Amino acid sequence: MIDSQTMKFAALSNFVAMLGGQIKSNQTISALMADIMSNIYLANSVIYYTNEEGGDERIGAYCLYRLAIDTNDKINSVIFNYPTENRGMKLLLYLLRPTRVQFDFNKNRELMAHFKRNESDILCLLKEDIILDEALSKLENLSNYKKEAENLCLDQTKDVKNKYRKLYDNVISVGEYPNQ
């Protein structure tokens, strides 16, 4: 699907280029074309990451699915908003119109179930390239303490709850502004 969207984007770019200076007054079309291009770039990045870097195939497929839906909607918006009265141009634009893809809520539920089953692995993978500063590290620790307390018996949670409360107070505390 991404290949056909790339070809449609290339053809649509030619139509938009024919607007010349008029594109300045049609900022919506310009913004939609930028969105389409970024979606295509993201989709190709997901394909590369999934194939070459060993990313989770189900999550990659779902990301491609969501990008395809969004890109189709944006291509249709460009075609619908293209300013022309020429019947030949309208016909050519109509031929570029992609088929309507409906969002499938069952796919969303399936992915959420997959994500829940593999949550720790997926989150570790996402955190690999993120630099956590002190504030974000504290928030992550809060989350970990909360999860730890949920998995313990009532009599074992006192120590974890004390750690959680102390860190929570530290995170939400706001220093006083010095009076001068």
C-alpha atoms as a PDB file:
ATOM      1  CA  MET A   1       0.000   0.000   0.000  1.00  0.00           C
ATOM      2  CA  ILE A   2       2.845   2.401   0.793  1.00  0.00           C
ATOM      3  CA  ASP A   3       4.218   2.008  -2.749  1.00  0.00           C
ATOM      4  CA  SER A   4       0.909   3.034  -4.318  1.00  0.00           C
ATOM      5  CA  GLN A   5       0.622   5.975  -1.931  1.00  0.00           C
ATOM      6  CA  THR A   6       4.148   7.064  -2.882  1.00  0.00           C
ATOM      7  CA  MET A   7       3.218   6.985  -6.582  1.00  0.00           C
ATOM      8  CA  LYS A   8      -0.014   8.891  -5.922  1.00  0.00           C
ATOM      9  CA  PHE A   9       1.923  11.466  -3.907  1.00  0.00           C
ATOM     10  CA  ALA A  10       4.376  11.932  -6.790  1.00  0.00           C
ATOM     11  CA  ALA A  11       1.526  12.426  -9.269  1.00  0.00           C
ATOM     12  CA  LEU A  12      -0.334  14.714  -6.881  1.00  0.00           C
ATOM     13  CA  SER A  13       2.858  16.760  -6.442  1.00  0.00           C
ATOM     14  CA  ASN A  14       2.760  17.527 -10.160  1.00  0.00           C
ATOM     15  CA  PHE A  15      -0.781  18.853  -9.851  1.00  0.00           C
ATOM     16  CA  VAL A  16       0.159  20.964  -6.857  1.00  0.00           C
ATOM     17  CA  ALA A  17       3.223  22.287  -8.698  1.00  0.00           C
ATOM     18  CA  MET A  18       0.885  23.534 -11.461  1.00  0.00           C
ATOM     19  CA  LEU A  19      -0.646  25.895  -8.919  1.00  0.00           C
ATOM     20  CA  GLY A  20       2.569  27.926  -9.006  1.00  0.00           C
ATOM     21  CA  GLY A  21       2.218  31.067  -6.903  1.00  0.00           C
ATOM     22  CA  GLN A  22      -1.348  30.140  -5.988  1.00  0.00           C
ATOM     23  CA  ILE A  23       0.005  27.612  -3.502  1.00  0.00           C
ATOM     24  CA  LYS A  24       0.646  30.494  -1.092  1.00  0.00           C
ATOM     25  CA  SER A  25      -3.070  31.213  -0.903  1.00  0.00           C
ATOM     26  CA  ASN A  26      -3.839  27.488  -0.542  1.00  0.00           C
ATOM     27  CA  GLN A  27      -1.888  26.787   2.626  1.00  0.00           C
ATOM     28  CA  THR A  28      -4.183  23.873   3.454  1.00  0.00           C
ATOM     29  CA  ILE A  29      -3.003  21.990   0.377  1.00  0.00           C
ATOM     30  CA  SER A  30       0.616  22.772   1.155  1.00  0.00           C
ATOM     31  CA  ALA A  31       0.220  21.529   4.740  1.00  0.00           C
ATOM     32  CA  LEU A  32      -1.583  18.373   3.619  1.00  0.00           C
ATOM     33  CA  MET A  33       1.160  17.598   1.100  1.00  0.00           C
ATOM     34  CA  ALA A  34       3.772  18.012   3.849  1.00  0.00           C
ATOM     35  CA  ASP A  35       1.756  15.647   6.072  1.00  0.00           C
ATOM     36  CA  ILE A  36       1.522  13.062   3.278  1.00  0.00           C
ATOM     37  CA  MET A  37       5.253  13.241   2.665  1.00  0.00           C
ATOM     38  CA  SER A  38       6.050  12.827   6.361  1.00  0.00           C
ATOM     39  CA  ASN A  39       3.643   9.869   6.636  1.00  0.00           C
ATOM     40  CA  ILE A  40       5.340   8.170   3.686  1.00  0.00           C
ATOM     41  CA  TYR A  41       8.735   8.817   5.257  1.00  0.00           C
ATOM     42  CA  LEU A  42       7.559   7.424   8.606  1.00  0.00           C
ATOM     43  CA  ALA A  43       6.077   4.360   6.923  1.00  0.00           C
ATOM     44  CA  ASN A  44       9.344   3.630   5.140  1.00  0.00           C
ATOM     45  CA  SER A  45      11.196   4.110   8.426  1.00  0.00           C
ATOM     46  CA  VAL A  46       8.891   1.600  10.121  1.00  0.00           C
ATOM     47  CA  ILE A  47       9.453  -0.889   7.291  1.00  0.00           C
ATOM     48  CA  TYR A  48      13.218  -0.451   7.557  1.00  0.00           C
ATOM     49  CA  TYR A  49      13.215  -0.766  11.347  1.00  0.00           C
ATOM     50  CA  THR A  50      11.007  -3.841  11.324  1.00  0.00           C
ATOM     51  CA  ASN A  51      12.987  -5.598   8.580  1.00  0.00           C
ATOM     52  CA  GLU A  52      16.551  -4.525   9.338  1.00  0.00           C
ATOM     53  CA  GLU A  53      16.618  -3.822  13.077  1.00  0.00           C
ATOM     54  CA  GLY A  54      14.325  -6.629  14.223  1.00  0.00           C
ATOM     55  CA  GLY A  55      11.407  -4.517  15.412  1.00  0.00           C
ATOM     56  CA  ASP A  56       8.170  -6.119  16.571  1.00  0.00           C
ATOM     57  CA  GLU A  57       6.351  -7.116  13.371  1.00  0.00           C
ATOM     58  CA  ARG A  58       2.841  -6.790  14.808  1.00  0.00           C
ATOM     59  CA  ILE A  59       3.475  -3.281  16.066  1.00  0.00           C
ATOM     60  CA  GLY A  60       5.191  -2.366  12.790  1.00  0.00           C
ATOM     61  CA  ALA A  61       2.231  -3.664  10.777  1.00  0.00           C
ATOM     62  CA  TYR A  62      -0.189  -1.742  12.974  1.00  0.00           C
ATOM     63  CA  CYS A  63       1.828   1.477  12.595  1.00  0.00           C
ATOM     64  CA  LEU A  64       1.793   1.018   8.802  1.00  0.00           C
ATOM     65  CA  TYR A  65      -1.949   0.409   8.917  1.00  0.00           C
ATOM     66  CA  ARG A  66      -2.567   3.631  10.871  1.00  0.00           C
ATOM     67  CA  LEU A  67      -0.237   5.628   8.612  1.00  0.00           C
ATOM     68  CA  ALA A  68      -2.009   4.247   5.513  1.00  0.00           C
ATOM     69  CA  ILE A  69      -5.405   5.338   6.842  1.00  0.00           C
ATOM     70  CA  ASP A  70      -4.138   8.828   7.650  1.00  0.00           C
ATOM     71  CA  THR A  71      -2.318   9.179   4.325  1.00  0.00           C
ATOM     72  CA  ASN A  72      -5.406   8.085   2.372  1.00  0.00           C
ATOM     73  CA  ASP A  73      -7.510  10.692   4.174  1.00  0.00           C
ATOM     74  CA  LYS A  74      -4.967  13.415   3.448  1.00  0.00           C
ATOM     75  CA  ILE A  75      -4.666  12.488  -0.241  1.00  0.00           C
ATOM     76  CA  ASN A  76      -8.453  12.659  -0.516  1.00  0.00           C
ATOM     77  CA  SER A  77      -8.422  16.063   1.210  1.00  0.00           C
ATOM     78  CA  VAL A  78      -5.880  17.448  -1.268  1.00  0.00           C
ATOM     79  CA  ILE A  79      -7.957  16.178  -4.194  1.00  0.00           C
ATOM     80  CA  PHE A  80     -11.184  17.543  -2.722  1.00  0.00           C
ATOM     81  CA  ASN A  81      -9.642  20.960  -1.966  1.00  0.00           C
ATOM     82  CA  TYR A  82      -7.719  21.343  -5.234  1.00  0.00           C
ATOM     83  CA  PRO A  83      -8.853  24.642  -6.783  1.00  0.00           C
ATOM     84  CA  THR A  84      -9.829  23.961 -10.391  1.00  0.00           C
ATOM     85  CA  GLU A  85     -12.888  24.323 -12.563  1.00  0.00           C
ATOM     86  CA  ASN A  86     -11.293  22.404 -15.439  1.00  0.00           C
ATOM     87  CA  ARG A  87     -13.269  19.170 -15.957  1.00  0.00           C
ATOM     88  CA  GLY A  88     -10.268  17.309 -17.395  1.00  0.00           C
ATOM     89  CA  MET A  89      -8.169  18.168 -14.345  1.00  0.00           C
ATOM     90  CA  LYS A  90     -10.958  17.080 -12.033  1.00  0.00           C
ATOM     91  CA  LEU A  91     -11.186  13.744 -13.820  1.00  0.00           C
ATOM     92  CA  LEU A  92      -7.433  13.188 -13.588  1.00  0.00           C
ATOM     93  CA  LEU A  93      -7.484  14.079  -9.897  1.00  0.00           C
ATOM     94  CA  TYR A  94     -10.418  11.748  -9.339  1.00  0.00           C
ATOM     95  CA  LEU A  95      -8.359   8.879 -10.782  1.00  0.00           C
ATOM     96  CA  LEU A  96      -5.751   9.488  -8.050  1.00  0.00           C
ATOM     97  CA  ARG A  97      -8.321   9.175  -5.309  1.00  0.00           C
ATOM     98  CA  PRO A  98      -7.396   6.256  -3.070  1.00  0.00           C
ATOM     99  CA  THR A  99      -9.900   3.738  -1.857  1.00  0.00           C
ATOM    100  CA  ARG A 100     -11.405   4.503   1.505  1.00  0.00           C
ATOM    101  CA  VAL A 101      -9.846   2.508   4.336  1.00  0.00           C
ATOM    102  CA  GLN A 102     -11.945   2.235   7.479  1.00  0.00           C
ATOM    103  CA  PHE A 103     -10.333   1.996  10.887  1.00  0.00           C
ATOM    104  CA  ASP A 104     -10.664  -1.525  12.277  1.00  0.00           C
ATOM    105  CA  PHE A 105     -11.219  -1.400  16.035  1.00  0.00           C
ATOM    106  CA  ASN A 106     -10.591  -5.148  16.337  1.00  0.00           C
ATOM    107  CA  LYS A 107      -7.028  -4.658  15.074  1.00  0.00           C
ATOM    108  CA  ASN A 108      -6.604  -1.996  17.733  1.00  0.00           C
ATOM    109  CA  ARG A 109      -7.860  -4.374  20.454  1.00  0.00           C
ATOM    110  CA  GLU A 110      -5.574  -7.156  19.228  1.00  0.00           C
ATOM    111  CA  LEU A 111      -2.555  -4.861  19.311  1.00  0.00           C
ATOM    112  CA  MET A 112      -3.391  -3.617  22.803  1.00  0.00           C
ATOM    113  CA  ALA A 113      -3.596  -7.245  23.992  1.00  0.00           C
ATOM    114  CA  HIS A 114      -0.224  -7.957  22.325  1.00  0.00           C
ATOM    115  CA  PHE A 115       1.259  -4.820  23.877  1.00  0.00           C
ATOM    116  CA  LYS A 116      -0.018  -5.791  27.328  1.00  0.00           C
ATOM    117  CA  ARG A 117       1.494  -9.289  27.025  1.00  0.00           C
ATOM    118  CA  ASN A 118       4.885  -7.890  25.952  1.00  0.00           C
ATOM    119  CA  GLU A 119       4.797  -4.540  27.768  1.00  0.00           C
ATOM    120  CA  SER A 120       8.142  -4.760  29.552  1.00  0.00           C
ATOM    121  CA  ASP A 121      10.031  -5.870  26.421  1.00  0.00           C
ATOM    122  CA  ILE A 122       8.467  -3.154  24.286  1.00  0.00           C
ATOM    123  CA  LEU A 123       9.066  -0.419  26.870  1.00  0.00           C
ATOM    124  CA  CYS A 124      12.698  -1.489  27.307  1.00  0.00           C
ATOM    125  CA  LEU A 125      13.145  -1.303  23.543  1.00  0.00           C
ATOM    126  CA  LEU A 126      11.606   2.178  23.433  1.00  0.00           C
ATOM    127  CA  LYS A 127      13.785   3.387  26.328  1.00  0.00           C
ATOM    128  CA  GLU A 128      17.033   2.302  24.650  1.00  0.00           C
ATOM    129  CA  ASP A 129      17.431   5.578  22.770  1.00  0.00           C
ATOM    130  CA  ILE A 130      15.877   7.905  25.340  1.00  0.00           C
ATOM    131  CA  ILE A 131      17.989   9.889  27.758  1.00  0.00           C
ATOM    132  CA  LEU A 132      16.140  10.173  31.061  1.00  0.00           C
ATOM    133  CA  ASP A 133      16.962  13.268  33.064  1.00  0.00           C
ATOM    134  CA  GLU A 134      16.543  13.331  36.830  1.00  0.00           C
ATOM    135  CA  ALA A 135      12.866  14.321  36.749  1.00  0.00           C
ATOM    136  CA  LEU A 136      11.923  11.609  34.243  1.00  0.00           C
ATOM    137  CA  SER A 137      13.903   9.024  36.206  1.00  0.00           C
ATOM    138  CA  LYS A 138      11.947   9.933  39.325  1.00  0.00           C
ATOM    139  CA  LEU A 139       8.645   9.552  37.467  1.00  0.00           C
ATOM    140  CA  GLU A 140       9.746   6.169  36.148  1.00  0.00           C
ATOM    141  CA  ASN A 141      10.677   5.075  39.677  1.00  0.00           C
ATOM    142  CA  LEU A 142       7.250   6.206  40.913  1.00  0.00           C
ATOM    143  CA  SER A 143       5.622   4.043  38.293  1.00  0.00           C
ATOM    144  CA  ASN A 144       7.807   1.084  39.235  1.00  0.00           C
ATOM    145  CA  TYR A 145       7.018   1.460  42.958  1.00  0.00           C
ATOM    146  CA  LYS A 146       3.317   1.585  42.192  1.00  0.00           C
ATOM    147  CA  LYS A 147       3.495  -1.580  40.062  1.00  0.00           C
ATOM    148  CA  GLU A 148       5.596  -3.302  42.737  1.00  0.00           C
ATOM    149  CA  ALA A 149       3.051  -2.451  45.432  1.00  0.00           C
ATOM    150  CA  GLU A 150       0.214  -3.854  43.317  1.00  0.00           C
ATOM    151  CA  ASN A 151       1.995  -7.209  43.045  1.00  0.00           C
ATOM    152  CA  LEU A 152       2.783  -7.623  46.762  1.00  0.00           C
ATOM    153  CA  CYS A 153       0.673  -8.799  49.664  1.00  0.00           C
ATOM    154  CA  LEU A 154      -0.738  -6.196  52.046  1.00  0.00           C
ATOM    155  CA  ASP A 155       1.823  -6.812  54.786  1.00  0.00           C
ATOM    156  CA  GLN A 156       4.745  -6.523  52.300  1.00  0.00           C
ATOM    157  CA  THR A 157       3.689  -3.219  50.777  1.00  0.00           C
ATOM    158  CA  LYS A 158       4.477  -0.931  53.727  1.00  0.00           C
ATOM    159  CA  ASP A 159       8.138  -0.418  52.755  1.00  0.00           C
ATOM    160  CA  VAL A 160       7.281   0.116  49.070  1.00  0.00           C
ATOM    161  CA  LYS A 161       4.488   2.550  49.962  1.00  0.00           C
ATOM    162  CA  ASN A 162       6.883   4.538  52.160  1.00  0.00           C
ATOM    163  CA  LYS A 163       9.415   4.738  49.304  1.00  0.00           C
ATOM    164  CA  TYR A 164       6.625   5.721  46.924  1.00  0.00           C
ATOM    165  CA  ARG A 165       5.275   8.436  49.270  1.00  0.00           C
ATOM    166  CA  LYS A 166       8.768   9.888  49.871  1.00  0.00           C
ATOM    167  CA  LEU A 167       9.592  10.003  46.161  1.00  0.00           C
ATOM    168  CA  TYR A 168       6.111  11.326  45.329  1.00  0.00           C
ATOM    169  CA  ASP A 169       6.559  14.206  47.791  1.00  0.00           C
ATOM    170  CA  ASN A 170       9.960  14.928  46.281  1.00  0.00           C
ATOM    171  CA  VAL A 171       8.588  14.975  42.732  1.00  0.00           C
ATOM    172  CA  ILE A 172       5.624  17.265  43.425  1.00  0.00           C
ATOM    173  CA  SER A 173       7.400  19.596  45.853  1.00  0.00           C
ATOM    174  CA  VAL A 174       7.941  23.063  44.542  1.00  0.00           C
ATOM    175  CA  GLY A 175      10.768  25.078  46.006  1.00  0.00           C
ATOM    176  CA  GLU A 176       9.971  28.435  47.538  1.00  0.00           C
ATOM    177  CA  TYR A 177      10.830  31.561  45.642  1.00  0.00           C
ATOM    178  CA  PRO A 178      13.479  33.475  47.589  1.00  0.00           C
ATOM    179  CA  ASN A 179      12.234  36.791  49.022  1.00  0.00           C
ATOM    180  CA  GLN A 180      14.468  39.734  48.437  1.00  0.00           C
END
